[in-house]
Amino acid sequence: MTAFCCHRSWERKLKKHVVAAAAAVAVAGGAGSALAADLYIEAPADPVAISEPGDWYVSLFGGGAWVNEINTAWRDEPGYGYDIWLEPGFALGVTVGTKVFDMLRIEGELSGTLSQVSEIYEEYDDEYSDLPGSISALYLLGNVWFDVDTGSGFTPYIGGGVGAAAVALSLYDGNWETDGTGFAYQLGAGVQVDVADNITLDLGYRYKAVPDLTLNNSNDDWQNFALSPHVFQAGLAFNF
């Protein structure tokens, strides 16, 4: 009888220990879950792709070109020459560039402008004429642009470039033509706007200048010829 009572007492003690252990496990599990919830950190979103140093791009652009009045003189007769007024023209071009630093880009540019002649004043004969004519320029420039980081997809920039230009002048419906090549430069500013993955809209202004040029043909040479169009342009840059 005594053995049976001891057995029942031992069984009751065992059940108490099992229940206590189960309760401890449950409490520990709940505390662990709460701690895990407190320590949960949301995974960061995928980073937005931005242009990094070394990225390359190709840009195609076009726009309007407004040229100042052109004054020129004969080489052998400095007191005589032409005053030429031009109608608004257009500009087209392509650039290939890359980032050197976060705020510095370099690029090569091949571009051209074309304007029609509206009126000519001939100093030699002291008369005006409105016979058809045109003037064109082909520019090969190396540019440097400084970008202003705004922390968004809106990036203003400023800069310029130097190089050479080939200029051709045609007057009197193509019956009188002359051309020449000389030093050229440009100053400019604008803004780039991200419009899609790897595509940027570029809106800008350029002051292009061929400051001193001699134009040659079979009969005459023109000295002190200067061309300085103001160009307002829009383009798309494709980054890769």
C-alpha atoms as a PDB file:
ATOM      1  CA  MET A   1       0.000   0.000   0.000  1.00  0.00           C
ATOM      2  CA  THR A   2       2.881   2.295   0.923  1.00  0.00           C
ATOM      3  CA  ALA A   3       4.582   1.620  -2.426  1.00  0.00           C
ATOM      4  CA  PHE A   4       1.403   2.461  -4.298  1.00  0.00           C
ATOM      5  CA  CYS A   5       1.065   5.791  -2.471  1.00  0.00           C
ATOM      6  CA  CYS A   6       4.689   6.651  -3.208  1.00  0.00           C
ATOM      7  CA  HIS A   7       4.149   5.826  -6.853  1.00  0.00           C
ATOM      8  CA  ARG A   8       1.088   8.119  -7.051  1.00  0.00           C
ATOM      9  CA  SER A   9       3.000  10.948  -5.328  1.00  0.00           C
ATOM     10  CA  TRP A  10       5.913  10.592  -7.758  1.00  0.00           C
ATOM     11  CA  GLU A  11       3.486  10.652 -10.743  1.00  0.00           C
ATOM     12  CA  ARG A  12       1.860  13.853  -9.474  1.00  0.00           C
ATOM     13  CA  LYS A  13       5.270  15.515  -9.073  1.00  0.00           C
ATOM     14  CA  LEU A  14       6.269  14.466 -12.604  1.00  0.00           C
ATOM     15  CA  LYS A  15       3.081  15.947 -14.072  1.00  0.00           C
ATOM     16  CA  LYS A  16       3.750  19.239 -12.214  1.00  0.00           C
ATOM     17  CA  HIS A  17       7.281  19.406 -13.630  1.00  0.00           C
ATOM     18  CA  VAL A  18       6.032  18.685 -17.179  1.00  0.00           C
ATOM     19  CA  VAL A  19       3.333  21.384 -16.942  1.00  0.00           C
ATOM     20  CA  ALA A  20       5.845  23.893 -15.560  1.00  0.00           C
ATOM     21  CA  ALA A  21       8.341  23.114 -18.325  1.00  0.00           C
ATOM     22  CA  ALA A  22       5.647  23.474 -21.014  1.00  0.00           C
ATOM     23  CA  ALA A  23       4.598  26.833 -19.554  1.00  0.00           C
ATOM     24  CA  ALA A  24       8.212  28.015 -19.528  1.00  0.00           C
ATOM     25  CA  VAL A  25       8.682  26.991 -23.159  1.00  0.00           C
ATOM     26  CA  ALA A  26       5.478  28.819 -24.149  1.00  0.00           C
ATOM     27  CA  VAL A  27       6.548  32.003 -22.345  1.00  0.00           C
ATOM     28  CA  ALA A  28      10.020  31.873 -23.877  1.00  0.00           C
ATOM     29  CA  GLY A  29       8.562  31.320 -27.334  1.00  0.00           C
ATOM     30  CA  GLY A  30       6.226  34.318 -26.972  1.00  0.00           C
ATOM     31  CA  ALA A  31       9.016  36.537 -25.757  1.00  0.00           C
ATOM     32  CA  GLY A  32      11.233  35.417 -28.639  1.00  0.00           C
ATOM     33  CA  SER A  33       8.502  36.189 -31.163  1.00  0.00           C
ATOM     34  CA  ALA A  34       7.969  39.640 -29.681  1.00  0.00           C
ATOM     35  CA  LEU A  35      11.710  40.315 -29.727  1.00  0.00           C
ATOM     36  CA  ALA A  36      11.970  39.132 -33.329  1.00  0.00           C
ATOM     37  CA  ALA A  37       9.099  41.428 -34.278  1.00  0.00           C
ATOM     38  CA  ASP A  38      10.848  44.350 -32.558  1.00  0.00           C
ATOM     39  CA  LEU A  39      14.118  43.591 -34.367  1.00  0.00           C
ATOM     40  CA  TYR A  40      12.574  43.150 -37.860  1.00  0.00           C
ATOM     41  CA  ILE A  41      14.072  45.576 -40.344  1.00  0.00           C
ATOM     42  CA  GLU A  42      12.407  46.121 -43.717  1.00  0.00           C
ATOM     43  CA  ALA A  43      14.674  45.206 -46.601  1.00  0.00           C
ATOM     44  CA  PRO A  44      15.815  48.317 -48.553  1.00  0.00           C
ATOM     45  CA  ALA A  45      14.181  48.972 -51.903  1.00  0.00           C
ATOM     46  CA  ASP A  46      16.179  48.376 -55.054  1.00  0.00           C
ATOM     47  CA  PRO A  47      18.429  51.411 -55.673  1.00  0.00           C
ATOM     48  CA  VAL A  48      17.396  53.820 -58.413  1.00  0.00           C
ATOM     49  CA  ALA A  49      19.749  53.651 -61.367  1.00  0.00           C
ATOM     50  CA  ILE A  50      21.760  56.850 -61.672  1.00  0.00           C
ATOM     51  CA  SER A  51      24.462  57.953 -64.069  1.00  0.00           C
ATOM     52  CA  GLU A  52      27.878  57.110 -62.658  1.00  0.00           C
ATOM     53  CA  PRO A  53      31.350  58.293 -63.687  1.00  0.00           C
ATOM     54  CA  GLY A  54      32.407  56.373 -66.752  1.00  0.00           C
ATOM     55  CA  ASP A  55      28.871  56.156 -68.194  1.00  0.00           C
ATOM     56  CA  TRP A  56      28.660  56.954 -71.915  1.00  0.00           C
ATOM     57  CA  TYR A  57      25.906  58.612 -73.891  1.00  0.00           C
ATOM     58  CA  VAL A  58      24.957  59.588 -77.433  1.00  0.00           C
ATOM     59  CA  SER A  59      22.850  62.695 -77.966  1.00  0.00           C
ATOM     60  CA  LEU A  60      20.896  63.814 -81.042  1.00  0.00           C
ATOM     61  CA  PHE A  61      19.627  67.404 -81.129  1.00  0.00           C
ATOM     62  CA  GLY A  62      18.052  70.048 -83.326  1.00  0.00           C
ATOM     63  CA  GLY A  63      16.812  73.595 -82.983  1.00  0.00           C
ATOM     64  CA  GLY A  64      16.685  77.108 -84.322  1.00  0.00           C
ATOM     65  CA  ALA A  65      19.697  79.277 -85.209  1.00  0.00           C
ATOM     66  CA  TRP A  66      19.649  83.063 -85.218  1.00  0.00           C
ATOM     67  CA  VAL A  67      22.709  84.743 -86.745  1.00  0.00           C
ATOM     68  CA  ASN A  68      23.860  88.289 -86.154  1.00  0.00           C
ATOM     69  CA  GLU A  69      24.416  90.607 -89.065  1.00  0.00           C
ATOM     70  CA  ILE A  70      27.603  89.672 -90.922  1.00  0.00           C
ATOM     71  CA  ASN A  71      30.079  92.341 -91.997  1.00  0.00           C
ATOM     72  CA  THR A  72      33.060  91.496 -94.169  1.00  0.00           C
ATOM     73  CA  ALA A  73      35.699  93.179 -96.292  1.00  0.00           C
ATOM     74  CA  TRP A  74      37.732  92.394 -99.355  1.00  0.00           C
ATOM     75  CA  ARG A  75      41.311  91.382 -98.723  1.00  0.00           C
ATOM     76  CA  ASP A  76      42.722  93.718-101.395  1.00  0.00           C
ATOM     77  CA  GLU A  77      40.200  96.529-100.869  1.00  0.00           C
ATOM     78  CA  PRO A  78      39.514  96.916 -97.129  1.00  0.00           C
ATOM     79  CA  GLY A  79      37.122  99.801 -97.714  1.00  0.00           C
ATOM     80  CA  TYR A  80      34.709  97.590 -99.611  1.00  0.00           C
ATOM     81  CA  GLY A  81      32.785  94.541 -98.706  1.00  0.00           C
ATOM     82  CA  TYR A  82      29.343  93.187 -97.901  1.00  0.00           C
ATOM     83  CA  ASP A  83      26.833  93.544 -95.107  1.00  0.00           C
ATOM     84  CA  ILE A  84      24.658  90.417 -94.979  1.00  0.00           C
ATOM     85  CA  TRP A  85      21.402  89.888 -93.086  1.00  0.00           C
ATOM     86  CA  LEU A  86      20.136  86.376 -92.503  1.00  0.00           C
ATOM     87  CA  GLU A  87      16.750  84.838 -91.826  1.00  0.00           C
ATOM     88  CA  PRO A  88      16.271  82.493 -88.836  1.00  0.00           C
ATOM     89  CA  GLY A  89      17.797  79.124 -89.657  1.00  0.00           C
ATOM     90  CA  PHE A  90      18.157  75.737 -88.041  1.00  0.00           C
ATOM     91  CA  ALA A  91      20.780  73.587 -86.349  1.00  0.00           C
ATOM     92  CA  LEU A  92      21.323  69.824 -86.189  1.00  0.00           C
ATOM     93  CA  GLY A  93      23.954  67.772 -84.437  1.00  0.00           C
ATOM     94  CA  VAL A  94      25.163  64.721 -82.593  1.00  0.00           C
ATOM     95  CA  THR A  95      27.407  64.340 -79.545  1.00  0.00           C
ATOM     96  CA  VAL A  96      29.188  61.413 -77.902  1.00  0.00           C
ATOM     97  CA  GLY A  97      30.269  61.894 -74.306  1.00  0.00           C
ATOM     98  CA  THR A  98      31.083  60.388 -70.936  1.00  0.00           C
ATOM     99  CA  LYS A  99      31.200  61.375 -67.264  1.00  0.00           C
ATOM    100  CA  VAL A 100      34.660  62.016 -65.830  1.00  0.00           C
ATOM    101  CA  PHE A 101      33.419  62.900 -62.344  1.00  0.00           C
ATOM    102  CA  ASP A 102      29.968  63.183 -60.797  1.00  0.00           C
ATOM    103  CA  MET A 103      29.687  66.822 -61.929  1.00  0.00           C
ATOM    104  CA  LEU A 104      31.925  66.847 -65.025  1.00  0.00           C
ATOM    105  CA  ARG A 105      31.189  65.562 -68.523  1.00  0.00           C
ATOM    106  CA  ILE A 106      33.312  65.689 -71.673  1.00  0.00           C
ATOM    107  CA  GLU A 107      32.030  65.114 -75.189  1.00  0.00           C
ATOM    108  CA  GLY A 108      32.774  65.434 -78.874  1.00  0.00           C
ATOM    109  CA  GLU A 109      30.270  67.281 -81.057  1.00  0.00           C
ATOM    110  CA  LEU A 110      29.579  67.318 -84.780  1.00  0.00           C
ATOM    111  CA  SER A 111      26.931  69.893 -85.646  1.00  0.00           C
ATOM    112  CA  GLY A 112      25.847  72.281 -88.356  1.00  0.00           C
ATOM    113  CA  THR A 113      23.806  75.439 -88.925  1.00  0.00           C
ATOM    114  CA  LEU A 114      22.127  76.713 -92.078  1.00  0.00           C
ATOM    115  CA  SER A 115      20.543  80.131 -92.668  1.00  0.00           C
ATOM    116  CA  GLN A 116      19.095  81.807 -95.730  1.00  0.00           C
ATOM    117  CA  VAL A 117      20.206  85.270 -96.823  1.00  0.00           C
ATOM    118  CA  SER A 118      17.461  87.878 -96.583  1.00  0.00           C
ATOM    119  CA  GLU A 119      19.301  90.969 -97.816  1.00  0.00           C
ATOM    120  CA  ILE A 120      22.768  92.059 -98.934  1.00  0.00           C
ATOM    121  CA  TYR A 121      24.327  95.505 -98.945  1.00  0.00           C
ATOM    122  CA  GLU A 122      27.204  95.889-101.394  1.00  0.00           C
ATOM    123  CA  GLU A 123      29.510  98.663-100.266  1.00  0.00           C
ATOM    124  CA  TYR A 124      31.294  98.706-103.612  1.00  0.00           C
ATOM    125  CA  ASP A 125      28.136  99.637-105.538  1.00  0.00           C
ATOM    126  CA  ASP A 126      26.328 101.216-102.546  1.00  0.00           C
ATOM    127  CA  GLU A 127      23.210  99.179-103.165  1.00  0.00           C
ATOM    128  CA  TYR A 128      20.964  96.596-101.542  1.00  0.00           C
ATOM    129  CA  SER A 129      19.821  93.344-103.121  1.00  0.00           C
ATOM    130  CA  ASP A 130      17.617  90.472-102.030  1.00  0.00           C
ATOM    131  CA  LEU A 131      18.823  87.789-104.410  1.00  0.00           C
ATOM    132  CA  PRO A 132      18.789  84.259-102.904  1.00  0.00           C
ATOM    133  CA  GLY A 133      21.704  83.021-100.915  1.00  0.00           C
ATOM    134  CA  SER A 134      22.647  80.949 -97.876  1.00  0.00           C
ATOM    135  CA  ILE A 135      25.389  80.440 -95.328  1.00  0.00           C
ATOM    136  CA  SER A 136      26.225  77.150 -93.632  1.00  0.00           C
ATOM    137  CA  ALA A 137      28.718  76.067 -90.991  1.00  0.00           C
ATOM    138  CA  LEU A 138      29.907  72.621 -89.934  1.00  0.00           C
ATOM    139  CA  TYR A 139      31.380  72.478 -86.416  1.00  0.00           C
ATOM    140  CA  LEU A 140      33.693  69.901 -84.858  1.00  0.00           C
ATOM    141  CA  LEU A 141      34.023  70.700 -81.137  1.00  0.00           C
ATOM    142  CA  GLY A 142      35.292  69.232 -77.907  1.00  0.00           C
ATOM    143  CA  ASN A 143      33.001  70.243 -75.032  1.00  0.00           C
ATOM    144  CA  VAL A 144      33.192  70.292 -71.232  1.00  0.00           C
ATOM    145  CA  TRP A 145      29.970  70.525 -69.187  1.00  0.00           C
ATOM    146  CA  PHE A 146      29.591  71.058 -65.441  1.00  0.00           C
ATOM    147  CA  ASP A 147      26.424  69.489 -63.997  1.00  0.00           C
ATOM    148  CA  VAL A 148      24.638  70.897 -60.943  1.00  0.00           C
ATOM    149  CA  ASP A 149      23.505  68.008 -58.719  1.00  0.00           C
ATOM    150  CA  THR A 150      19.963  68.692 -57.472  1.00  0.00           C
ATOM    151  CA  GLY A 151      19.393  65.191 -56.100  1.00  0.00           C
ATOM    152  CA  SER A 152      16.595  64.623 -58.608  1.00  0.00           C
ATOM    153  CA  GLY A 153      16.050  63.903 -62.281  1.00  0.00           C
ATOM    154  CA  PHE A 154      16.424  67.615 -63.047  1.00  0.00           C
ATOM    155  CA  THR A 155      20.068  68.607 -63.756  1.00  0.00           C
ATOM    156  CA  PRO A 156      21.113  72.125 -64.852  1.00  0.00           C
ATOM    157  CA  TYR A 157      24.518  72.472 -66.543  1.00  0.00           C
ATOM    158  CA  ILE A 158      26.907  75.075 -67.953  1.00  0.00           C
ATOM    159  CA  GLY A 159      30.062  74.920 -70.046  1.00  0.00           C
ATOM    160  CA  GLY A 160      31.465  75.261 -73.529  1.00  0.00           C
ATOM    161  CA  GLY A 161      33.853  73.905 -76.098  1.00  0.00           C
ATOM    162  CA  VAL A 162      36.522  74.674 -78.707  1.00  0.00           C
ATOM    163  CA  GLY A 163      37.357  73.294 -82.123  1.00  0.00           C
ATOM    164  CA  ALA A 164      37.041  74.222 -85.772  1.00  0.00           C
ATOM    165  CA  ALA A 165      34.342  75.149 -88.270  1.00  0.00           C
ATOM    166  CA  ALA A 166      34.018  74.954 -92.041  1.00  0.00           C
ATOM    167  CA  VAL A 167      31.910  77.835 -93.372  1.00  0.00           C
ATOM    168  CA  ALA A 168      30.395  78.100 -96.858  1.00  0.00           C
ATOM    169  CA  LEU A 169      28.656  81.151 -98.318  1.00  0.00           C
ATOM    170  CA  SER A 170      26.542  81.053-101.457  1.00  0.00           C
ATOM    171  CA  LEU A 171      25.142  84.244-103.005  1.00  0.00           C
ATOM    172  CA  TYR A 172      23.131  85.236-106.019  1.00  0.00           C
ATOM    173  CA  ASP A 173      21.323  81.933-106.401  1.00  0.00           C
ATOM    174  CA  GLY A 174      24.541  79.935-106.256  1.00  0.00           C
ATOM    175  CA  ASN A 175      26.381  81.973-108.890  1.00  0.00           C
ATOM    176  CA  TRP A 176      28.917  83.263-106.360  1.00  0.00           C
ATOM    177  CA  GLU A 177      30.340  80.894-103.751  1.00  0.00           C
ATOM    178  CA  THR A 178      33.157  81.044-101.216  1.00  0.00           C
ATOM    179  CA  ASP A 179      34.264  79.001 -98.206  1.00  0.00           C
ATOM    180  CA  GLY A 180      36.892  78.685 -95.501  1.00  0.00           C
ATOM    181  CA  THR A 181      37.888  76.901 -92.296  1.00  0.00           C
ATOM    182  CA  GLY A 182      38.896  78.422 -88.973  1.00  0.00           C
ATOM    183  CA  PHE A 183      38.924  78.301 -85.193  1.00  0.00           C
ATOM    184  CA  ALA A 184      35.514  78.003 -83.497  1.00  0.00           C
ATOM    185  CA  TYR A 185      34.179  77.897 -79.949  1.00  0.00           C
ATOM    186  CA  GLN A 186      30.880  77.782 -78.118  1.00  0.00           C
ATOM    187  CA  LEU A 187      29.432  78.711 -74.727  1.00  0.00           C
ATOM    188  CA  GLY A 188      26.252  77.164 -73.438  1.00  0.00           C
ATOM    189  CA  ALA A 189      23.883  76.251 -70.652  1.00  0.00           C
ATOM    190  CA  GLY A 190      20.816  74.091 -70.273  1.00  0.00           C
ATOM    191  CA  VAL A 191      19.002  71.485 -68.265  1.00  0.00           C
ATOM    192  CA  GLN A 192      18.723  67.715 -68.509  1.00  0.00           C
ATOM    193  CA  VAL A 193      15.516  65.951 -67.474  1.00  0.00           C
ATOM    194  CA  ASP A 194      15.260  62.174 -66.968  1.00  0.00           C
ATOM    195  CA  VAL A 195      12.263  60.963 -69.003  1.00  0.00           C
ATOM    196  CA  ALA A 196      12.806  57.188 -69.039  1.00  0.00           C
ATOM    197  CA  ASP A 197      15.343  54.548 -68.122  1.00  0.00           C
ATOM    198  CA  ASN A 198      18.624  55.608 -69.762  1.00  0.00           C
ATOM    199  CA  ILE A 199      16.950  58.412 -71.778  1.00  0.00           C
ATOM    200  CA  THR A 200      17.397  62.099 -70.953  1.00  0.00           C
ATOM    201  CA  LEU A 201      15.756  65.174 -72.482  1.00  0.00           C
ATOM    202  CA  ASP A 202      18.284  67.974 -73.018  1.00  0.00           C
ATOM    203  CA  LEU A 203      17.085  71.583 -73.435  1.00  0.00           C
ATOM    204  CA  GLY A 204      19.823  74.134 -74.017  1.00  0.00           C
ATOM    205  CA  TYR A 205      21.215  77.343 -75.442  1.00  0.00           C
ATOM    206  CA  ARG A 206      24.493  77.615 -77.372  1.00  0.00           C
ATOM    207  CA  TYR A 207      26.415  80.645 -78.545  1.00  0.00           C
ATOM    208  CA  LYS A 208      28.610  79.389 -81.368  1.00  0.00           C
ATOM    209  CA  ALA A 209      31.297  81.609 -82.843  1.00  0.00           C
ATOM    210  CA  VAL A 210      33.780  81.590 -85.686  1.00  0.00           C
ATOM    211  CA  PRO A 211      35.512  84.840 -84.703  1.00  0.00           C
ATOM    212  CA  ASP A 212      37.905  85.500 -87.575  1.00  0.00           C
ATOM    213  CA  LEU A 213      37.859  83.734 -90.901  1.00  0.00           C
ATOM    214  CA  THR A 214      39.075  84.257 -94.444  1.00  0.00           C
ATOM    215  CA  LEU A 215      36.738  82.991 -97.165  1.00  0.00           C
ATOM    216  CA  ASN A 216      38.287  82.133-100.500  1.00  0.00           C
ATOM    217  CA  ASN A 217      37.037  81.592-104.036  1.00  0.00           C
ATOM    218  CA  SER A 218      38.609  81.788-107.463  1.00  0.00           C
ATOM    219  CA  ASN A 219      38.358  85.577-107.683  1.00  0.00           C
ATOM    220  CA  ASP A 220      38.322  87.206-104.253  1.00  0.00           C
ATOM    221  CA  ASP A 221      39.194  86.657-100.617  1.00  0.00           C
ATOM    222  CA  TRP A 222      37.110  88.003 -97.741  1.00  0.00           C
ATOM    223  CA  GLN A 223      38.901  88.829 -94.525  1.00  0.00           C
ATOM    224  CA  ASN A 224      37.560  89.625 -91.051  1.00  0.00           C
ATOM    225  CA  PHE A 225      34.597  87.347 -91.654  1.00  0.00           C
ATOM    226  CA  ALA A 226      32.843  86.364 -88.428  1.00  0.00           C
ATOM    227  CA  LEU A 227      29.868  84.097 -87.816  1.00  0.00           C
ATOM    228  CA  SER A 228      28.096  83.882 -84.437  1.00  0.00           C
ATOM    229  CA  PRO A 229      24.739  82.099 -84.358  1.00  0.00           C
ATOM    230  CA  HIS A 230      22.583  81.877 -81.244  1.00  0.00           C
ATOM    231  CA  VAL A 231      21.169  78.342 -81.092  1.00  0.00           C
ATOM    232  CA  PHE A 232      18.224  77.146 -79.006  1.00  0.00           C
ATOM    233  CA  GLN A 233      18.102  73.378 -79.138  1.00  0.00           C
ATOM    234  CA  ALA A 234      16.361  70.291 -77.817  1.00  0.00           C
ATOM    235  CA  GLY A 235      17.702  66.759 -77.904  1.00  0.00           C
ATOM    236  CA  LEU A 236      17.599  63.253 -76.490  1.00  0.00           C
ATOM    237  CA  ALA A 237      20.577  61.592 -74.822  1.00  0.00           C
ATOM    238  CA  PHE A 238      20.737  57.793 -74.762  1.00  0.00           C
ATOM    239  CA  ASN A 239      22.882  56.474 -71.888  1.00  0.00           C
ATOM    240  CA  PHE A 240      24.683  53.148 -72.002  1.00  0.00           C
END
